[in-house]
N, C-alpha and C. Protein backbone atom coordinates (compact mmCIF):
# COMPACT_ATOMS: atom_id res chain seq x y z
N MET A 1 0.85 -1.22 -0.08
CA MET A 1 -0.05 -0.04 0.02
C MET A 1 0.87 1.25 -0.05
N GLU A 2 0.37 2.31 -0.57
CA GLU A 2 1.31 3.59 -0.66
C GLU A 2 -0.03 4.74 -0.53
N ILE A 3 0.42 5.73 0.36
CA ILE A 3 -0.39 6.95 0.45
C ILE A 3 0.17 7.94 -0.43
N ARG A 4 -0.69 8.71 -1.19
CA ARG A 4 -0.22 9.76 -2.03
C ARG A 4 -1.38 10.64 -2.48
N ASP A 5 -1.05 11.81 -3.02
CA ASP A 5 -2.14 12.76 -3.22
C ASP A 5 -3.22 12.26 -4.34
N LEU A 6 -4.38 12.75 -4.06
CA LEU A 6 -5.51 12.17 -4.90
C LEU A 6 -5.51 12.87 -6.21
N SER A 7 -5.86 12.17 -7.21
CA SER A 7 -6.12 12.77 -8.71
C SER A 7 -7.59 13.37 -8.48
N LYS A 8 -7.87 14.22 -9.37
CA LYS A 8 -9.21 14.65 -9.49
C LYS A 8 -10.25 13.56 -9.74
N GLU A 9 -9.85 12.48 -10.54
CA GLU A 9 -10.73 11.47 -10.81
C GLU A 9 -10.95 10.69 -9.65
N ASP A 10 -9.91 10.46 -8.73
CA ASP A 10 -9.97 9.63 -7.53
C ASP A 10 -10.74 10.44 -6.56
N LEU A 11 -10.66 11.67 -6.43
CA LEU A 11 -11.61 12.51 -5.54
C LEU A 11 -12.89 12.37 -5.93
N ARG A 12 -13.33 12.39 -7.24
CA ARG A 12 -14.76 12.15 -7.68
C ARG A 12 -15.20 10.73 -7.18
N VAL A 13 -14.28 9.83 -7.25
CA VAL A 13 -14.65 8.31 -6.82
C VAL A 13 -14.88 8.39 -5.24
N ILE A 14 -14.11 8.96 -4.53
CA ILE A 14 -14.39 8.80 -3.12
C ILE A 14 -15.71 9.65 -2.65
N GLU A 15 -15.73 10.83 -3.31
CA GLU A 15 -17.10 11.53 -2.95
C GLU A 15 -18.24 10.73 -3.47
N ARG A 16 -18.37 10.12 -4.66
CA ARG A 16 -19.46 9.38 -5.08
C ARG A 16 -19.70 8.18 -4.34
N GLY A 17 -18.47 7.45 -3.83
CA GLY A 17 -18.59 6.45 -3.01
C GLY A 17 -19.20 6.57 -1.85
N LEU A 18 -18.80 7.75 -1.11
CA LEU A 18 -19.53 8.09 0.20
C LEU A 18 -20.89 8.42 -0.02
N GLU A 19 -21.37 9.14 -1.02
CA GLU A 19 -22.65 9.39 -1.38
C GLU A 19 -23.61 8.07 -1.54
N ARG A 20 -22.99 7.21 -2.30
CA ARG A 20 -23.69 5.85 -2.27
C ARG A 20 -23.93 5.17 -1.09
N TYR A 21 -22.77 5.23 -0.14
CA TYR A 21 -22.86 4.58 1.01
C TYR A 21 -23.85 5.12 1.92
N ASN A 22 -23.92 6.51 1.96
CA ASN A 22 -24.79 7.31 2.94
C ASN A 22 -26.33 7.05 2.34
N GLU A 23 -26.49 6.85 1.06
CA GLU A 23 -27.83 6.76 0.51
C GLU A 23 -28.61 5.68 1.16
N LYS A 24 -27.81 4.53 1.59
CA LYS A 24 -28.39 3.39 2.29
C LYS A 24 -29.01 3.69 3.69
N TYR A 25 -28.59 4.81 4.18
CA TYR A 25 -28.99 5.17 5.61
C TYR A 25 -29.72 6.51 5.76
N MET A 26 -29.87 7.30 4.83
CA MET A 26 -30.40 8.56 4.80
C MET A 26 -31.56 8.71 3.69
N PRO A 27 -32.73 9.27 4.17
CA PRO A 27 -33.71 9.37 3.13
C PRO A 27 -33.36 10.52 2.08
N ASP A 28 -33.90 10.29 0.99
CA ASP A 28 -33.71 11.37 -0.04
C ASP A 28 -34.30 12.66 0.44
N GLY A 29 -33.63 13.82 0.16
CA GLY A 29 -34.11 15.13 0.41
C GLY A 29 -34.23 15.88 -0.76
N PRO A 30 -34.78 17.06 -0.77
CA PRO A 30 -34.83 17.89 -1.95
C PRO A 30 -33.37 18.45 -2.23
N ASP A 31 -33.32 18.61 -3.72
CA ASP A 31 -31.97 19.31 -4.06
C ASP A 31 -32.27 20.72 -4.26
N GLY A 32 -31.23 21.45 -4.34
CA GLY A 32 -31.26 22.77 -4.56
C GLY A 32 -30.19 23.62 -3.83
N SER A 33 -30.25 24.89 -4.19
CA SER A 33 -29.22 25.77 -3.58
C SER A 33 -29.81 27.27 -3.62
N VAL A 34 -29.30 28.10 -2.81
CA VAL A 34 -29.60 29.52 -2.74
C VAL A 34 -28.29 30.18 -2.94
N GLN A 35 -28.21 31.09 -4.07
CA GLN A 35 -27.05 31.87 -4.29
C GLN A 35 -27.54 33.20 -4.65
N ILE A 36 -27.43 34.14 -3.89
CA ILE A 36 -28.14 35.48 -3.98
C ILE A 36 -27.13 36.50 -3.65
N GLY A 37 -27.39 37.74 -4.26
CA GLY A 37 -26.58 38.92 -4.11
C GLY A 37 -27.39 39.96 -3.78
N LEU A 38 -26.87 41.06 -3.05
CA LEU A 38 -27.70 42.34 -2.64
C LEU A 38 -26.84 43.41 -3.37
N TYR A 39 -27.56 44.20 -4.09
CA TYR A 39 -27.06 45.33 -4.83
C TYR A 39 -27.59 46.74 -4.47
N ASP A 40 -26.89 47.73 -4.60
CA ASP A 40 -27.41 49.07 -4.26
C ASP A 40 -28.19 49.58 -5.45
N GLY A 41 -28.76 50.80 -5.37
CA GLY A 41 -29.42 51.50 -6.39
C GLY A 41 -28.68 51.73 -7.78
N ASP A 42 -27.32 51.76 -7.47
CA ASP A 42 -26.45 51.90 -8.78
C ASP A 42 -25.82 50.65 -9.21
N ASN A 43 -26.58 49.53 -8.79
CA ASN A 43 -26.27 48.17 -9.31
C ASN A 43 -24.75 47.79 -8.69
N GLN A 44 -24.37 48.34 -7.64
CA GLN A 44 -23.07 47.94 -7.14
C GLN A 44 -23.27 46.78 -6.05
N PHE A 45 -22.39 45.80 -6.06
CA PHE A 45 -22.47 44.68 -5.21
C PHE A 45 -22.28 45.05 -3.85
N ILE A 46 -23.18 44.61 -2.78
CA ILE A 46 -23.11 44.84 -1.43
C ILE A 46 -22.69 43.63 -0.63
N GLY A 47 -23.21 42.47 -1.01
CA GLY A 47 -22.90 41.23 -0.53
C GLY A 47 -23.59 40.08 -1.03
N GLY A 48 -23.41 38.95 -0.43
CA GLY A 48 -24.11 37.80 -0.88
C GLY A 48 -24.00 36.54 0.03
N VAL A 49 -24.80 35.48 -0.44
CA VAL A 49 -24.80 34.30 0.32
C VAL A 49 -24.79 32.98 -0.66
N ASP A 50 -24.02 32.02 -0.36
CA ASP A 50 -23.97 30.92 -1.05
C ASP A 50 -24.46 29.73 -0.01
N ALA A 51 -25.49 28.94 -0.38
CA ALA A 51 -26.05 27.80 0.48
C ALA A 51 -26.53 26.77 -0.36
N GLU A 52 -26.32 25.53 0.00
CA GLU A 52 -26.68 24.35 -0.63
C GLU A 52 -27.38 23.28 0.23
N MET A 53 -28.33 22.50 -0.42
CA MET A 53 -28.96 21.38 0.24
C MET A 53 -27.96 20.40 0.46
N THR A 54 -27.84 19.81 1.72
CA THR A 54 -26.75 18.77 1.92
C THR A 54 -27.39 17.36 2.21
N VAL A 55 -27.92 17.29 3.41
CA VAL A 55 -28.51 15.94 3.88
C VAL A 55 -30.03 16.21 4.26
N ASP A 56 -30.81 15.25 3.67
CA ASP A 56 -32.21 15.35 4.04
C ASP A 56 -32.96 16.75 3.68
N THR A 57 -33.41 17.41 4.63
CA THR A 57 -33.97 18.77 4.52
C THR A 57 -33.07 19.79 5.16
N LEU A 58 -31.85 19.63 5.13
CA LEU A 58 -30.79 20.66 5.68
C LEU A 58 -30.16 21.52 4.63
N LEU A 59 -30.22 22.78 4.70
CA LEU A 59 -29.61 23.78 3.94
C LEU A 59 -28.35 24.23 4.75
N TYR A 60 -27.26 24.16 4.07
CA TYR A 60 -26.03 24.60 4.71
C TYR A 60 -25.58 25.92 4.01
N VAL A 61 -25.40 26.85 4.75
CA VAL A 61 -24.98 28.19 4.39
C VAL A 61 -23.48 28.18 4.49
N SER A 62 -22.72 28.20 3.49
CA SER A 62 -21.26 27.98 3.47
C SER A 62 -20.65 29.50 3.51
N THR A 63 -21.39 30.41 3.00
CA THR A 63 -20.74 31.75 2.91
C THR A 63 -21.80 32.82 3.01
N LEU A 64 -21.59 33.85 3.98
CA LEU A 64 -22.41 35.11 3.84
C LEU A 64 -21.24 36.20 4.01
N TYR A 65 -21.25 37.07 2.97
CA TYR A 65 -20.38 38.19 2.96
C TYR A 65 -21.06 39.42 2.69
N VAL A 66 -20.76 40.53 3.50
CA VAL A 66 -21.33 41.80 3.21
C VAL A 66 -20.11 42.83 3.44
N LYS A 67 -19.89 43.67 2.44
CA LYS A 67 -18.86 44.59 2.33
C LYS A 67 -18.84 45.42 3.77
N ASP A 68 -17.62 45.63 4.26
CA ASP A 68 -17.48 46.38 5.44
C ASP A 68 -18.38 47.50 5.72
N GLU A 69 -18.50 48.48 4.60
CA GLU A 69 -19.32 49.70 4.72
C GLU A 69 -20.80 49.43 4.85
N TYR A 70 -21.29 48.23 4.69
CA TYR A 70 -22.59 47.95 4.78
C TYR A 70 -22.99 47.15 5.98
N ARG A 71 -21.95 46.72 6.75
CA ARG A 71 -22.24 45.96 7.92
C ARG A 71 -22.99 46.81 9.04
N GLY A 72 -23.85 46.21 9.67
CA GLY A 72 -24.74 46.91 10.62
C GLY A 72 -25.78 47.84 10.04
N ARG A 73 -25.94 47.71 8.75
CA ARG A 73 -27.12 48.60 8.20
C ARG A 73 -28.15 47.63 7.52
N GLY A 74 -28.36 46.42 7.91
CA GLY A 74 -29.41 45.51 7.65
C GLY A 74 -29.24 44.72 6.40
N ALA A 75 -27.95 44.84 5.75
CA ALA A 75 -27.76 44.05 4.49
C ALA A 75 -27.65 42.56 4.84
N GLY A 76 -26.90 42.01 5.88
CA GLY A 76 -26.81 40.77 6.18
C GLY A 76 -28.23 40.14 6.66
N THR A 77 -29.04 40.94 7.45
CA THR A 77 -30.43 40.52 7.70
C THR A 77 -31.29 40.39 6.52
N ALA A 78 -31.22 41.31 5.64
CA ALA A 78 -31.96 41.13 4.47
C ALA A 78 -31.71 39.82 3.64
N LEU A 79 -30.37 39.55 3.56
CA LEU A 79 -29.82 38.38 2.91
C LEU A 79 -30.26 37.10 3.55
N MET A 80 -30.19 37.01 4.75
CA MET A 80 -30.45 35.78 5.55
C MET A 80 -32.06 35.54 5.47
N LYS A 81 -32.79 36.74 5.52
CA LYS A 81 -34.26 36.48 5.55
C LYS A 81 -34.65 35.91 4.07
N GLU A 82 -33.96 36.46 3.08
CA GLU A 82 -34.29 35.88 1.76
C GLU A 82 -33.77 34.42 1.59
N VAL A 83 -32.63 34.12 2.12
CA VAL A 83 -32.12 32.67 2.11
C VAL A 83 -33.28 31.85 2.85
N GLU A 84 -33.88 32.28 4.07
CA GLU A 84 -34.92 31.51 4.73
C GLU A 84 -36.15 31.37 3.90
N ARG A 85 -36.54 32.29 3.17
CA ARG A 85 -37.67 32.30 2.31
C ARG A 85 -37.46 31.26 1.14
N GLN A 86 -36.21 31.37 0.50
CA GLN A 86 -36.00 30.45 -0.55
C GLN A 86 -35.83 29.00 -0.09
N ALA A 87 -35.24 28.89 1.11
CA ALA A 87 -34.87 27.62 1.59
C ALA A 87 -36.28 26.83 1.80
N ILE A 88 -37.29 27.46 2.32
CA ILE A 88 -38.56 26.84 2.46
C ILE A 88 -39.14 26.37 1.09
N GLU A 89 -38.94 27.38 0.08
CA GLU A 89 -39.46 27.01 -1.24
C GLU A 89 -38.90 25.76 -1.85
N ILE A 90 -37.53 25.55 -1.51
CA ILE A 90 -36.93 24.37 -2.14
C ILE A 90 -37.14 23.18 -1.15
N GLY A 91 -37.70 23.22 0.02
CA GLY A 91 -38.05 22.11 0.77
C GLY A 91 -37.11 21.98 2.15
N ALA A 92 -36.26 22.99 2.37
CA ALA A 92 -35.52 22.88 3.49
C ALA A 92 -36.31 23.06 4.78
N GLU A 93 -35.96 22.25 5.85
CA GLU A 93 -36.58 22.59 7.13
C GLU A 93 -35.70 23.03 8.28
N ILE A 94 -34.30 22.85 8.03
CA ILE A 94 -33.23 23.34 8.75
C ILE A 94 -32.17 24.07 8.10
N ILE A 95 -31.64 25.08 8.61
CA ILE A 95 -30.52 25.87 8.05
C ILE A 95 -29.44 25.62 9.05
N ARG A 96 -28.29 25.36 8.50
CA ARG A 96 -27.13 25.18 9.38
C ARG A 96 -25.95 26.11 8.85
N LEU A 97 -25.14 26.72 9.76
CA LEU A 97 -23.99 27.48 9.31
C LEU A 97 -22.94 27.46 10.49
N ASP A 98 -21.77 27.99 10.12
CA ASP A 98 -20.78 28.16 11.13
C ASP A 98 -20.19 29.60 10.95
N SER A 99 -19.56 29.98 12.07
CA SER A 99 -19.01 31.45 12.10
C SER A 99 -17.88 31.47 13.11
N PHE A 100 -16.69 32.06 12.74
CA PHE A 100 -15.74 32.29 13.70
C PHE A 100 -15.96 33.56 14.66
N SER A 101 -15.43 33.59 15.77
CA SER A 101 -15.68 34.51 16.80
C SER A 101 -15.60 35.98 16.41
N TRP A 102 -14.93 36.36 15.37
CA TRP A 102 -14.80 37.70 14.95
C TRP A 102 -15.77 37.90 13.65
N GLU A 103 -16.61 36.97 13.21
CA GLU A 103 -17.46 37.13 12.30
C GLU A 103 -18.83 37.40 12.68
N GLY A 104 -19.91 36.55 12.68
CA GLY A 104 -21.30 36.81 12.98
C GLY A 104 -21.85 36.37 14.17
N VAL A 105 -20.94 36.17 15.21
CA VAL A 105 -21.24 35.78 16.64
C VAL A 105 -22.26 36.92 17.17
N GLY A 106 -23.45 36.61 17.63
CA GLY A 106 -24.37 37.47 18.07
C GLY A 106 -25.35 37.95 16.98
N PHE A 107 -24.80 38.05 15.82
CA PHE A 107 -25.81 38.49 14.58
C PHE A 107 -26.76 37.37 14.42
N TYR A 108 -26.29 36.03 14.22
CA TYR A 108 -27.12 34.97 13.88
C TYR A 108 -28.17 34.62 15.09
N GLU A 109 -27.72 34.89 16.33
CA GLU A 109 -28.71 34.81 17.34
C GLU A 109 -29.98 35.71 17.29
N THR A 110 -29.64 37.06 16.75
CA THR A 110 -30.80 37.97 16.54
C THR A 110 -31.68 37.46 15.56
N LEU A 111 -31.31 36.54 14.67
CA LEU A 111 -32.21 36.13 13.63
C LEU A 111 -32.93 34.83 13.95
N GLY A 112 -32.67 34.31 15.24
CA GLY A 112 -33.32 33.07 15.75
C GLY A 112 -32.48 31.82 15.54
N TYR A 113 -31.21 32.05 15.27
CA TYR A 113 -30.39 30.84 15.10
C TYR A 113 -29.82 30.50 16.39
N GLU A 114 -29.58 29.16 16.65
CA GLU A 114 -29.28 28.52 17.98
C GLU A 114 -27.88 28.07 17.89
N VAL A 115 -27.02 28.46 18.86
CA VAL A 115 -25.75 27.83 18.83
C VAL A 115 -25.79 26.45 19.39
N ILE A 116 -25.35 25.53 18.48
CA ILE A 116 -25.39 24.02 18.70
C ILE A 116 -24.02 23.42 19.21
N GLY A 117 -23.08 24.24 19.05
CA GLY A 117 -21.73 23.86 19.36
C GLY A 117 -20.72 24.88 19.21
N ALA A 118 -19.57 24.79 19.82
CA ALA A 118 -18.55 25.73 19.63
C ALA A 118 -17.21 24.94 20.13
N PHE A 119 -16.12 25.47 19.59
CA PHE A 119 -14.84 24.99 20.23
C PHE A 119 -13.78 26.18 20.09
N GLU A 120 -12.87 26.08 20.99
CA GLU A 120 -11.79 27.09 20.85
C GLU A 120 -10.53 26.49 20.37
N ILE A 121 -10.22 27.23 19.19
CA ILE A 121 -8.95 26.68 18.40
C ILE A 121 -7.66 27.15 19.19
N ARG A 122 -7.69 28.39 19.66
CA ARG A 122 -6.66 28.84 20.50
C ARG A 122 -7.29 30.00 21.29
N ALA A 123 -6.66 30.69 22.20
CA ALA A 123 -7.16 31.70 22.99
C ALA A 123 -7.76 32.82 22.17
N GLY A 124 -9.01 33.24 22.26
CA GLY A 124 -9.67 34.23 21.45
C GLY A 124 -10.10 33.91 20.14
N PHE A 125 -10.02 32.62 19.68
CA PHE A 125 -10.19 32.19 18.36
C PHE A 125 -11.21 30.88 18.46
N LYS A 126 -12.49 31.23 18.24
CA LYS A 126 -13.53 30.06 18.47
C LYS A 126 -14.20 30.04 17.11
N GLU A 127 -14.77 28.76 16.98
CA GLU A 127 -15.67 28.49 15.87
C GLU A 127 -17.02 28.03 16.48
N TYR A 128 -18.07 28.72 15.99
CA TYR A 128 -19.44 28.44 16.47
C TYR A 128 -20.17 27.77 15.41
N PHE A 129 -21.23 26.83 15.75
CA PHE A 129 -22.02 26.17 14.83
C PHE A 129 -23.46 26.46 15.15
N TYR A 130 -24.26 26.80 14.13
CA TYR A 130 -25.59 27.47 14.32
C TYR A 130 -26.66 26.45 13.63
N MET A 131 -27.83 26.46 14.04
CA MET A 131 -28.97 25.95 13.30
C MET A 131 -30.22 26.68 13.65
N LYS A 132 -31.12 26.53 12.62
CA LYS A 132 -32.42 27.25 12.80
C LYS A 132 -33.44 26.26 12.15
N ARG A 133 -34.43 25.86 12.88
CA ARG A 133 -35.55 25.09 12.22
C ARG A 133 -36.51 26.01 11.57
N LEU A 134 -36.88 25.69 10.41
CA LEU A 134 -37.88 26.73 9.64
C LEU A 134 -39.21 26.19 9.79
N LYS A 135 -39.60 24.87 10.11
CA LYS A 135 -40.93 24.53 10.22
C LYS A 135 -41.14 24.00 11.69
């Protein structure tokens, strides 16, 4: 046996292999994603969200970004409210996301997200895990 870097083809093999294995244990859920941006009156980009259905009825938000000058002005709230609306449309019942201590801690709680876990990587550097049930 030999350990070495994966080729792109082998990476697809392990991803598909795990998907097939997991299909034996998990019910099919809806497919879909939410990829939205927020723009100002001059069509300038303010921020956006990337989220995808993962397991069963779970939508995972991998990225929420708002330009610095728009933070604290409702842009993130508007984006997350729209994510929740679209999530329900595609059949999601739960939204999950994570955030580092300097990112959205406190923000997500104001939107009804619950901290379901956290760990300290080093002093002052934590990662938080959130979820919100939509139904």
